[in-house]
Amino acid sequence: MSKKKGFGKFLAGLGLGVGLGVLFAPKKGSETRKQLKQKLDEMLDKIKDIDKKEVKENIEKKIEEIKQELEDLDKEKALKLAKEKAKKLQEKSQELVEYAIEKGTPVLEKTAASIKEKTIEVTKEILKKLEETDKK
């Protein structure tokens, strides 16, 4: 469906709503028809004053704004989730180090410590990239 047809349907719906409102008003038939004709004439005058290009541009602008907000929301959500996951990864690697210390195995302790350091390094890099992307 083209945008012109959609706009036309909107205006037709608006006119129908006005017409039904007037028809169901508690007045005599002749008064109601006269009032309906006045309302329809008013609506025609208003339609003539509408700048279709401006309406189209404003609608397109609002749609782009909504798209941008959705994209920003996704970035914010991704960054928040990444921070939460980074924290969990660091906690898990700390648990590994503590377990290795508890078991008193120097080889495991050293390996667990290097895993923890690498986990911290990797999560910091990922968060930095996400934050840089979020700023763009």
N, C-alpha and C. Protein backbone atom coordinates (compact mmCIF):
# COMPACT_ATOMS: atom_id res chain seq x y z
N MET A 1 0.86 -1.18 0.00
CA MET A 1 0.00 0.00 0.00
C MET A 1 0.90 1.23 0.00
N SER A 2 0.61 2.20 -0.85
CA SER A 2 1.41 3.41 -0.93
C SER A 2 1.09 4.33 0.24
N LYS A 3 2.01 5.26 0.46
CA LYS A 3 1.82 6.20 1.56
C LYS A 3 0.63 7.12 1.30
N LYS A 4 0.39 7.46 0.03
CA LYS A 4 -0.73 8.35 -0.30
C LYS A 4 -2.05 7.68 0.03
N LYS A 5 -2.15 6.39 -0.28
CA LYS A 5 -3.39 5.68 0.03
C LYS A 5 -3.60 5.60 1.54
N GLY A 6 -2.52 5.38 2.28
CA GLY A 6 -2.61 5.32 3.74
C GLY A 6 -3.06 6.64 4.33
N PHE A 7 -2.55 7.73 3.80
CA PHE A 7 -2.93 9.06 4.28
C PHE A 7 -4.39 9.32 3.94
N GLY A 8 -4.79 8.90 2.74
CA GLY A 8 -6.19 9.07 2.31
C GLY A 8 -7.13 8.29 3.20
N LYS A 9 -6.73 7.08 3.57
CA LYS A 9 -7.57 6.26 4.45
C LYS A 9 -7.68 6.90 5.83
N PHE A 10 -6.57 7.49 6.27
CA PHE A 10 -6.58 8.18 7.57
C PHE A 10 -7.60 9.32 7.54
N LEU A 11 -7.55 10.10 6.48
CA LEU A 11 -8.48 11.23 6.37
C LEU A 11 -9.92 10.76 6.23
N ALA A 12 -10.12 9.68 5.48
CA ALA A 12 -11.47 9.14 5.33
C ALA A 12 -11.99 8.64 6.68
N GLY A 13 -11.14 8.00 7.44
CA GLY A 13 -11.54 7.52 8.77
C GLY A 13 -11.87 8.67 9.69
N LEU A 14 -11.08 9.72 9.60
CA LEU A 14 -11.34 10.91 10.41
C LEU A 14 -12.70 11.51 10.05
N GLY A 15 -12.98 11.62 8.74
CA GLY A 15 -14.27 12.15 8.29
C GLY A 15 -15.42 11.28 8.72
N LEU A 16 -15.25 9.97 8.62
CA LEU A 16 -16.29 9.04 9.04
C LEU A 16 -16.57 9.18 10.53
N GLY A 17 -15.52 9.33 11.31
CA GLY A 17 -15.69 9.50 12.76
C GLY A 17 -16.46 10.76 13.10
N VAL A 18 -16.12 11.83 12.43
CA VAL A 18 -16.83 13.11 12.65
C VAL A 18 -18.29 12.95 12.24
N GLY A 19 -18.51 12.33 11.09
CA GLY A 19 -19.87 12.15 10.58
C GLY A 19 -20.72 11.31 11.52
N LEU A 20 -20.18 10.21 11.99
CA LEU A 20 -20.93 9.35 12.91
C LEU A 20 -21.22 10.07 14.22
N GLY A 21 -20.26 10.84 14.67
CA GLY A 21 -20.48 11.59 15.91
C GLY A 21 -21.63 12.56 15.79
N VAL A 22 -21.70 13.22 14.67
CA VAL A 22 -22.78 14.18 14.43
C VAL A 22 -24.12 13.46 14.25
N LEU A 23 -24.12 12.36 13.52
CA LEU A 23 -25.36 11.61 13.27
C LEU A 23 -25.98 11.06 14.55
N PHE A 24 -25.15 10.67 15.48
CA PHE A 24 -25.68 10.10 16.72
C PHE A 24 -25.99 11.14 17.80
N ALA A 25 -25.76 12.38 17.47
CA ALA A 25 -26.09 13.44 18.42
C ALA A 25 -27.61 13.57 18.52
N PRO A 26 -28.13 13.89 19.71
CA PRO A 26 -29.59 13.97 19.91
C PRO A 26 -30.18 15.29 19.38
N LYS A 27 -30.28 15.40 18.02
CA LYS A 27 -30.87 16.60 17.41
C LYS A 27 -31.80 16.15 16.30
N LYS A 28 -32.58 17.11 15.77
CA LYS A 28 -33.47 16.81 14.65
C LYS A 28 -32.64 16.45 13.42
N GLY A 29 -33.22 15.66 12.53
CA GLY A 29 -32.53 15.22 11.32
C GLY A 29 -32.00 16.35 10.47
N SER A 30 -32.83 17.40 10.28
CA SER A 30 -32.40 18.51 9.43
C SER A 30 -31.21 19.25 10.06
N GLU A 31 -31.25 19.44 11.39
CA GLU A 31 -30.13 20.09 12.09
C GLU A 31 -28.88 19.24 12.00
N THR A 32 -29.07 17.95 12.17
CA THR A 32 -27.93 17.04 12.12
C THR A 32 -27.28 17.05 10.74
N ARG A 33 -28.10 17.00 9.69
CA ARG A 33 -27.55 17.01 8.33
C ARG A 33 -26.83 18.34 8.05
N LYS A 34 -27.41 19.43 8.53
CA LYS A 34 -26.79 20.74 8.34
C LYS A 34 -25.44 20.79 9.07
N GLN A 35 -25.44 20.31 10.31
CA GLN A 35 -24.21 20.30 11.10
C GLN A 35 -23.16 19.38 10.46
N LEU A 36 -23.61 18.23 9.97
CA LEU A 36 -22.69 17.30 9.32
C LEU A 36 -22.07 17.95 8.08
N LYS A 37 -22.90 18.65 7.30
CA LYS A 37 -22.37 19.33 6.11
C LYS A 37 -21.33 20.38 6.51
N GLN A 38 -21.61 21.12 7.58
CA GLN A 38 -20.65 22.12 8.06
C GLN A 38 -19.34 21.45 8.48
N LYS A 39 -19.46 20.36 9.21
CA LYS A 39 -18.25 19.65 9.67
C LYS A 39 -17.45 19.11 8.48
N LEU A 40 -18.14 18.58 7.48
CA LEU A 40 -17.46 18.07 6.29
C LEU A 40 -16.77 19.20 5.53
N ASP A 41 -17.45 20.36 5.44
CA ASP A 41 -16.84 21.52 4.79
C ASP A 41 -15.60 21.99 5.56
N GLU A 42 -15.71 22.00 6.89
CA GLU A 42 -14.56 22.37 7.73
C GLU A 42 -13.40 21.41 7.49
N MET A 43 -13.74 20.13 7.42
CA MET A 43 -12.70 19.13 7.21
C MET A 43 -12.03 19.31 5.84
N LEU A 44 -12.82 19.59 4.82
CA LEU A 44 -12.25 19.83 3.49
C LEU A 44 -11.30 21.03 3.51
N ASP A 45 -11.69 22.07 4.22
CA ASP A 45 -10.82 23.25 4.34
C ASP A 45 -9.51 22.89 5.03
N LYS A 46 -9.63 22.09 6.08
CA LYS A 46 -8.43 21.69 6.81
C LYS A 46 -7.53 20.80 5.96
N ILE A 47 -8.13 19.92 5.19
CA ILE A 47 -7.35 19.03 4.32
C ILE A 47 -6.59 19.84 3.29
N LYS A 48 -7.21 20.87 2.77
CA LYS A 48 -6.55 21.72 1.77
C LYS A 48 -5.33 22.41 2.37
N ASP A 49 -5.38 22.69 3.66
CA ASP A 49 -4.28 23.39 4.32
C ASP A 49 -3.12 22.45 4.70
N ILE A 50 -3.34 21.16 4.64
CA ILE A 50 -2.30 20.21 5.05
C ILE A 50 -1.19 20.17 4.01
N ASP A 51 0.02 20.31 4.46
CA ASP A 51 1.19 20.21 3.60
C ASP A 51 1.65 18.74 3.63
N LYS A 52 1.29 17.98 2.60
CA LYS A 52 1.59 16.56 2.56
C LYS A 52 3.08 16.28 2.65
N LYS A 53 3.88 17.12 2.01
CA LYS A 53 5.33 16.93 2.04
C LYS A 53 5.85 17.08 3.47
N GLU A 54 5.35 18.07 4.17
CA GLU A 54 5.77 18.30 5.56
C GLU A 54 5.35 17.13 6.45
N VAL A 55 4.12 16.65 6.26
CA VAL A 55 3.64 15.51 7.04
C VAL A 55 4.53 14.30 6.78
N LYS A 56 4.81 14.04 5.52
CA LYS A 56 5.67 12.91 5.14
C LYS A 56 7.05 13.04 5.78
N GLU A 57 7.64 14.22 5.68
CA GLU A 57 8.97 14.44 6.25
C GLU A 57 8.97 14.25 7.77
N ASN A 58 7.93 14.77 8.44
CA ASN A 58 7.85 14.62 9.89
C ASN A 58 7.68 13.16 10.30
N ILE A 59 6.86 12.43 9.56
CA ILE A 59 6.67 11.02 9.87
C ILE A 59 7.97 10.25 9.67
N GLU A 60 8.65 10.51 8.56
CA GLU A 60 9.93 9.85 8.30
C GLU A 60 10.95 10.19 9.38
N LYS A 61 10.97 11.44 9.80
CA LYS A 61 11.90 11.87 10.85
C LYS A 61 11.61 11.13 12.16
N LYS A 62 10.33 11.04 12.52
CA LYS A 62 9.97 10.34 13.76
C LYS A 62 10.33 8.86 13.69
N ILE A 63 10.12 8.25 12.52
CA ILE A 63 10.46 6.84 12.36
C ILE A 63 11.97 6.65 12.54
N GLU A 64 12.77 7.52 11.95
CA GLU A 64 14.22 7.43 12.10
C GLU A 64 14.65 7.62 13.56
N GLU A 65 13.99 8.56 14.25
CA GLU A 65 14.29 8.78 15.66
C GLU A 65 13.98 7.52 16.48
N ILE A 66 12.87 6.88 16.18
CA ILE A 66 12.49 5.65 16.88
C ILE A 66 13.50 4.56 16.60
N LYS A 67 13.91 4.42 15.34
CA LYS A 67 14.91 3.41 14.98
C LYS A 67 16.21 3.65 15.74
N GLN A 68 16.64 4.90 15.82
CA GLN A 68 17.88 5.23 16.52
C GLN A 68 17.78 4.91 18.00
N GLU A 69 16.64 5.23 18.60
CA GLU A 69 16.44 4.92 20.01
C GLU A 69 16.49 3.41 20.25
N LEU A 70 15.90 2.64 19.34
CA LEU A 70 15.94 1.18 19.46
C LEU A 70 17.37 0.66 19.35
N GLU A 71 18.12 1.24 18.41
CA GLU A 71 19.52 0.83 18.25
C GLU A 71 20.31 1.17 19.51
N ASP A 72 20.10 2.38 20.04
CA ASP A 72 20.79 2.77 21.27
C ASP A 72 20.41 1.86 22.42
N LEU A 73 19.13 1.49 22.48
CA LEU A 73 18.67 0.59 23.53
C LEU A 73 19.40 -0.74 23.43
N ASP A 74 19.54 -1.26 22.21
CA ASP A 74 20.25 -2.52 22.02
C ASP A 74 21.70 -2.40 22.47
N LYS A 75 22.34 -1.28 22.13
CA LYS A 75 23.74 -1.08 22.54
C LYS A 75 23.85 -1.01 24.06
N GLU A 76 22.94 -0.26 24.69
CA GLU A 76 22.96 -0.15 26.14
C GLU A 76 22.73 -1.50 26.80
N LYS A 77 21.79 -2.24 26.26
CA LYS A 77 21.48 -3.55 26.80
C LYS A 77 22.68 -4.48 26.64
N ALA A 78 23.32 -4.45 25.47
CA ALA A 78 24.48 -5.30 25.22
C ALA A 78 25.61 -4.95 26.17
N LEU A 79 25.83 -3.67 26.38
CA LEU A 79 26.90 -3.23 27.27
C LEU A 79 26.61 -3.68 28.71
N LYS A 80 25.38 -3.52 29.14
CA LYS A 80 25.00 -3.92 30.49
C LYS A 80 25.19 -5.43 30.67
N LEU A 81 24.73 -6.20 29.70
CA LEU A 81 24.88 -7.65 29.78
C LEU A 81 26.35 -8.06 29.76
N ALA A 82 27.14 -7.39 28.93
CA ALA A 82 28.57 -7.69 28.87
C ALA A 82 29.24 -7.41 30.20
N LYS A 83 28.87 -6.31 30.84
CA LYS A 83 29.45 -5.99 32.15
C LYS A 83 29.08 -7.04 33.19
N GLU A 84 27.81 -7.48 33.15
CA GLU A 84 27.37 -8.52 34.08
C GLU A 84 28.13 -9.83 33.84
N LYS A 85 28.28 -10.20 32.58
CA LYS A 85 29.01 -11.44 32.24
C LYS A 85 30.47 -11.32 32.62
N ALA A 86 31.06 -10.16 32.40
CA ALA A 86 32.47 -9.96 32.76
C ALA A 86 32.66 -10.14 34.26
N LYS A 87 31.74 -9.59 35.03
CA LYS A 87 31.83 -9.73 36.48
C LYS A 87 31.72 -11.20 36.89
N LYS A 88 30.78 -11.93 36.26
CA LYS A 88 30.62 -13.35 36.58
C LYS A 88 31.87 -14.15 36.19
N LEU A 89 32.44 -13.82 35.03
CA LEU A 89 33.66 -14.51 34.61
C LEU A 89 34.80 -14.27 35.60
N GLN A 90 34.92 -13.05 36.05
CA GLN A 90 35.98 -12.73 37.01
C GLN A 90 35.73 -13.45 38.34
N GLU A 91 34.47 -13.52 38.76
CA GLU A 91 34.14 -14.23 39.99
C GLU A 91 34.46 -15.71 39.86
N LYS A 92 34.12 -16.30 38.72
CA LYS A 92 34.39 -17.73 38.49
C LYS A 92 35.90 -18.00 38.46
N SER A 93 36.64 -17.11 37.83
CA SER A 93 38.10 -17.32 37.79
C SER A 93 38.70 -17.16 39.17
N GLN A 94 38.15 -16.26 39.99
CA GLN A 94 38.62 -16.11 41.37
C GLN A 94 38.31 -17.37 42.18
N GLU A 95 37.13 -17.95 41.95
CA GLU A 95 36.78 -19.22 42.62
C GLU A 95 37.76 -20.32 42.25
N LEU A 96 38.17 -20.33 40.99
CA LEU A 96 39.14 -21.32 40.53
C LEU A 96 40.47 -21.15 41.25
N VAL A 97 40.93 -19.89 41.37
CA VAL A 97 42.18 -19.62 42.09
C VAL A 97 42.06 -20.05 43.54
N GLU A 98 40.97 -19.71 44.19
CA GLU A 98 40.78 -20.07 45.59
C GLU A 98 40.73 -21.59 45.78
N TYR A 99 40.11 -22.27 44.86
CA TYR A 99 40.04 -23.73 44.94
C TYR A 99 41.44 -24.33 44.79
N ALA A 100 42.22 -23.81 43.85
CA ALA A 100 43.58 -24.30 43.65
C ALA A 100 44.43 -24.06 44.89
N ILE A 101 44.27 -22.90 45.51
CA ILE A 101 45.01 -22.60 46.75
C ILE A 101 44.58 -23.54 47.86
N GLU A 102 43.28 -23.76 47.97
CA GLU A 102 42.72 -24.63 48.99
C GLU A 102 43.28 -26.05 48.87
N LYS A 103 43.44 -26.51 47.67
CA LYS A 103 43.93 -27.87 47.46
C LYS A 103 45.45 -27.94 47.56
N GLY A 104 46.07 -26.78 47.66
CA GLY A 104 47.51 -26.74 47.90
C GLY A 104 48.35 -27.24 46.74
N THR A 105 47.87 -27.11 45.56
CA THR A 105 48.63 -27.57 44.39
C THR A 105 49.24 -26.36 43.71
N PRO A 106 50.54 -26.17 43.83
CA PRO A 106 51.19 -24.98 43.24
C PRO A 106 51.00 -24.87 41.72
N VAL A 107 51.01 -25.99 41.03
CA VAL A 107 50.86 -25.93 39.58
C VAL A 107 49.46 -25.43 39.22
N LEU A 108 48.45 -25.97 39.89
CA LEU A 108 47.07 -25.53 39.64
C LEU A 108 46.88 -24.07 40.04
N GLU A 109 47.48 -23.71 41.15
CA GLU A 109 47.34 -22.33 41.63
C GLU A 109 47.90 -21.35 40.60
N LYS A 110 49.07 -21.68 40.06
CA LYS A 110 49.71 -20.81 39.08
C LYS A 110 48.87 -20.73 37.80
N THR A 111 48.38 -21.86 37.35
CA THR A 111 47.55 -21.89 36.14
C THR A 111 46.24 -21.14 36.35
N ALA A 112 45.61 -21.35 37.50
CA ALA A 112 44.36 -20.68 37.81
C ALA A 112 44.56 -19.16 37.87
N ALA A 113 45.69 -18.74 38.45
CA ALA A 113 45.98 -17.31 38.53
C ALA A 113 46.16 -16.72 37.13
N SER A 114 46.83 -17.45 36.24
CA SER A 114 47.01 -16.93 34.88
C SER A 114 45.68 -16.90 34.12
N ILE A 115 44.81 -17.88 34.39
CA ILE A 115 43.48 -17.87 33.79
C ILE A 115 42.70 -16.65 34.26
N LYS A 116 42.80 -16.37 35.54
CA LYS A 116 42.09 -15.20 36.09
C LYS A 116 42.59 -13.92 35.44
N GLU A 117 43.91 -13.78 35.32
CA GLU A 117 44.48 -12.58 34.71
C GLU A 117 44.02 -12.43 33.26
N LYS A 118 44.04 -13.54 32.53
CA LYS A 118 43.63 -13.49 31.12
C LYS A 118 42.14 -13.17 31.01
N THR A 119 41.34 -13.71 31.91
CA THR A 119 39.90 -13.43 31.91
C THR A 119 39.65 -11.94 32.13
N ILE A 120 40.34 -11.37 33.07
CA ILE A 120 40.20 -9.94 33.35
C ILE A 120 40.62 -9.12 32.13
N GLU A 121 41.73 -9.50 31.53
CA GLU A 121 42.24 -8.78 30.36
C GLU A 121 41.25 -8.85 29.20
N VAL A 122 40.74 -10.03 28.92
CA VAL A 122 39.81 -10.20 27.80
C VAL A 122 38.51 -9.44 28.06
N THR A 123 37.97 -9.53 29.26
CA THR A 123 36.71 -8.83 29.54
C THR A 123 36.88 -7.32 29.48
N LYS A 124 38.03 -6.81 29.90
CA LYS A 124 38.28 -5.38 29.81
C LYS A 124 38.33 -4.93 28.35
N GLU A 125 38.97 -5.73 27.49
CA GLU A 125 39.04 -5.40 26.07
C GLU A 125 37.64 -5.38 25.44
N ILE A 126 36.85 -6.39 25.76
CA ILE A 126 35.50 -6.47 25.21
C ILE A 126 34.66 -5.28 25.67
N LEU A 127 34.72 -4.98 26.96
CA LEU A 127 33.93 -3.85 27.48
C LEU A 127 34.39 -2.53 26.86
N LYS A 128 35.69 -2.39 26.67
CA LYS A 128 36.21 -1.16 26.06
C LYS A 128 35.67 -1.01 24.64
N LYS A 129 35.67 -2.09 23.86
CA LYS A 129 35.14 -2.04 22.49
C LYS A 129 33.66 -1.71 22.49
N LEU A 130 32.91 -2.32 23.40
CA LEU A 130 31.48 -2.04 23.47
C LEU A 130 31.20 -0.59 23.87
N GLU A 131 31.98 -0.08 24.80
CA GLU A 131 31.78 1.31 25.23
C GLU A 131 32.14 2.28 24.10
N GLU A 132 33.18 1.95 23.31
CA GLU A 132 33.55 2.79 22.17
C GLU A 132 32.43 2.77 21.13
N THR A 133 31.86 1.60 20.88
CA THR A 133 30.76 1.48 19.94
C THR A 133 29.55 2.24 20.45
N ASP A 134 29.33 2.21 21.75
CA ASP A 134 28.17 2.89 22.36
C ASP A 134 28.29 4.40 22.18
N LYS A 135 29.49 4.94 22.14
CA LYS A 135 29.70 6.39 22.02
C LYS A 135 29.45 6.87 20.61
N LYS A 136 29.51 5.98 19.62
CA LYS A 136 29.35 6.38 18.20
C LYS A 136 27.94 6.65 17.86
